[in-house]
């Protein structure tokens, strides 16, 4: 069940992060980015990769929070809630 929960969290966040990165980097070019007033000494592909993983982490936190607040399976013995977790 834990692996299934992990996939339920990571797969939707992966799909949303693909869309978010496409939207972000269609508006902002990596050469225009400044970090603390300096241009990073990283290639454009490196910035795309780092940006994707940062977005994926934030999206996975959102999915994990959603999974955390879902109702559980064992609420009480007689009226068992049939939630996803």
Protein backbone atom coordinates (compact mmCIF):
# COMPACT_ATOMS: atom_id res chain seq x y z
CA UNK A 1 0.00 0.00 0.00
CA UNK A 2 2.88 2.38 0.69
CA UNK A 3 4.24 2.01 -2.85
CA UNK A 4 0.79 2.66 -4.24
CA UNK A 5 0.50 5.80 -2.12
CA UNK A 6 3.94 6.92 -3.30
CA UNK A 7 2.86 6.56 -6.93
CA UNK A 8 -0.43 8.36 -6.21
CA UNK A 9 1.61 11.28 -4.92
CA UNK A 10 4.47 11.37 -7.40
CA UNK A 11 2.73 10.64 -10.74
CA UNK A 12 0.20 13.54 -10.71
CA UNK A 13 2.86 15.90 -9.38
CA UNK A 14 5.17 14.81 -12.21
CA UNK A 15 2.51 15.54 -14.84
CA UNK A 16 1.66 18.94 -13.36
CA UNK A 17 5.34 19.87 -13.07
CA UNK A 18 5.80 19.15 -16.78
CA UNK A 19 3.03 21.61 -17.57
CA UNK A 20 4.28 24.17 -15.04
CA UNK A 21 7.83 24.06 -16.37
CA UNK A 22 6.61 24.43 -19.93
CA UNK A 23 4.58 27.45 -18.93
CA UNK A 24 7.35 28.98 -16.81
CA UNK A 25 10.12 28.65 -19.37
CA UNK A 26 7.92 29.76 -22.25
CA UNK A 27 7.65 33.09 -20.41
CA UNK A 28 11.15 33.33 -18.87
CA UNK A 29 14.35 32.40 -20.71
CA UNK A 30 17.09 30.88 -18.50
CA UNK A 31 19.60 33.50 -19.71
CA UNK A 32 17.42 36.22 -18.13
CA UNK A 33 17.51 34.67 -14.65
CA UNK A 34 19.46 36.32 -11.85
CA UNK A 35 20.26 34.63 -8.54
CA UNK A 36 21.24 37.11 -5.85
CA UNK A 37 22.14 39.61 -8.58
CA UNK A 38 24.39 37.24 -10.55
CA UNK A 39 23.90 35.08 -13.61
CA UNK A 40 24.39 31.39 -12.76
CA UNK A 41 27.26 29.63 -14.48
CA UNK A 42 24.96 26.80 -15.61
CA UNK A 43 23.85 25.84 -19.10
CA UNK A 44 20.26 26.40 -20.18
CA UNK A 45 19.58 22.66 -19.99
CA UNK A 46 20.91 22.60 -16.44
CA UNK A 47 18.58 25.40 -15.44
CA UNK A 48 15.67 23.58 -17.10
CA UNK A 49 16.56 20.44 -15.15
CA UNK A 50 16.99 22.17 -11.80
CA UNK A 51 13.78 24.13 -12.38
CA UNK A 52 11.88 20.95 -13.20
CA UNK A 53 12.99 19.20 -10.03
CA UNK A 54 12.19 22.23 -7.86
CA UNK A 55 8.72 22.48 -9.39
CA UNK A 56 8.27 18.70 -9.00
CA UNK A 57 9.15 18.92 -5.30
CA UNK A 58 6.58 21.65 -4.70
CA UNK A 59 3.93 19.75 -6.66
CA UNK A 60 4.69 16.55 -4.74
CA UNK A 61 4.28 18.42 -1.44
CA UNK A 62 0.86 19.51 -2.66
CA UNK A 63 -0.10 15.96 -3.63
CA UNK A 64 1.24 14.58 -0.34
CA UNK A 65 -0.80 17.10 1.60
CA UNK A 66 -3.90 16.06 -0.33
CA UNK A 67 -3.19 12.38 0.41
CA UNK A 68 -2.60 13.23 4.08
CA UNK A 69 -6.00 14.89 4.53
CA UNK A 70 -7.94 12.13 2.78
CA UNK A 71 -10.10 10.04 5.09
CA UNK A 72 -8.48 6.80 6.21
CA UNK A 73 -9.77 3.26 5.89
CA UNK A 74 -10.14 2.51 9.62
CA UNK A 75 -12.22 5.31 11.10
CA UNK A 76 -14.08 2.99 13.48
CA UNK A 77 -14.84 -0.72 13.55
CA UNK A 78 -18.53 -0.60 12.55
CA UNK A 79 -18.70 2.30 10.08
CA UNK A 80 -15.48 1.87 8.17
CA UNK A 81 -14.80 4.77 5.83
CA UNK A 82 -13.66 3.44 2.45
CA UNK A 83 -11.20 6.22 1.66
CA UNK A 84 -8.22 5.82 -0.65
CA UNK A 85 -5.60 5.41 2.06
